Amino acid sequence: QVRLVESGGGLVQPGGSLRLSCAASGFTPDYYTIVWFRQAPGKEREGVSCISTGDGSTYYADSVKGRFTISRDNAKNTMYLQMNSLKPEDTAVYYCAAAPKIFLLFSECVIEEEYDDWGQGTQVTVSS
């Protein structure tokens, strides 16, 4: 059974940085896609970034390109989301999710129905 545990959220000032972690267990890391979603109060959940654990292909939402970096450490079964130049509109609960599939487009890897395994979420608040 796949288990995902997020950590690293918190309160940060605008322009600051945070690194989120998604520790995974119960799957073979070579053939999965890991995605970060976020959900702000009163808004729908949206896809932020995806990574293929096999070849490391990465995909980003336009709103975070150039500011966020997704990465993975297969030896530790952990995925990261480095968030720089944070803005108040980045405030949300961030979730990681895993699927035993490979996607070729960002629009494909952020379809929620593709993911059966989710973490519990970690709160990110960007405020002065």
Foldseek 3Di string as FASTA:
>chain_A
DKAWAKDWADEAAQQAKIKMKIAIDDDQQQQKKKWKWWDDPPGDIWTAKIFRSNPGDIDGDPVQPPFWDWGDDNVRNMIMIIGGSDDQVVWTWMKMFMARHDDDHPVVVTDVVRTDYIYPTDTHGYHD
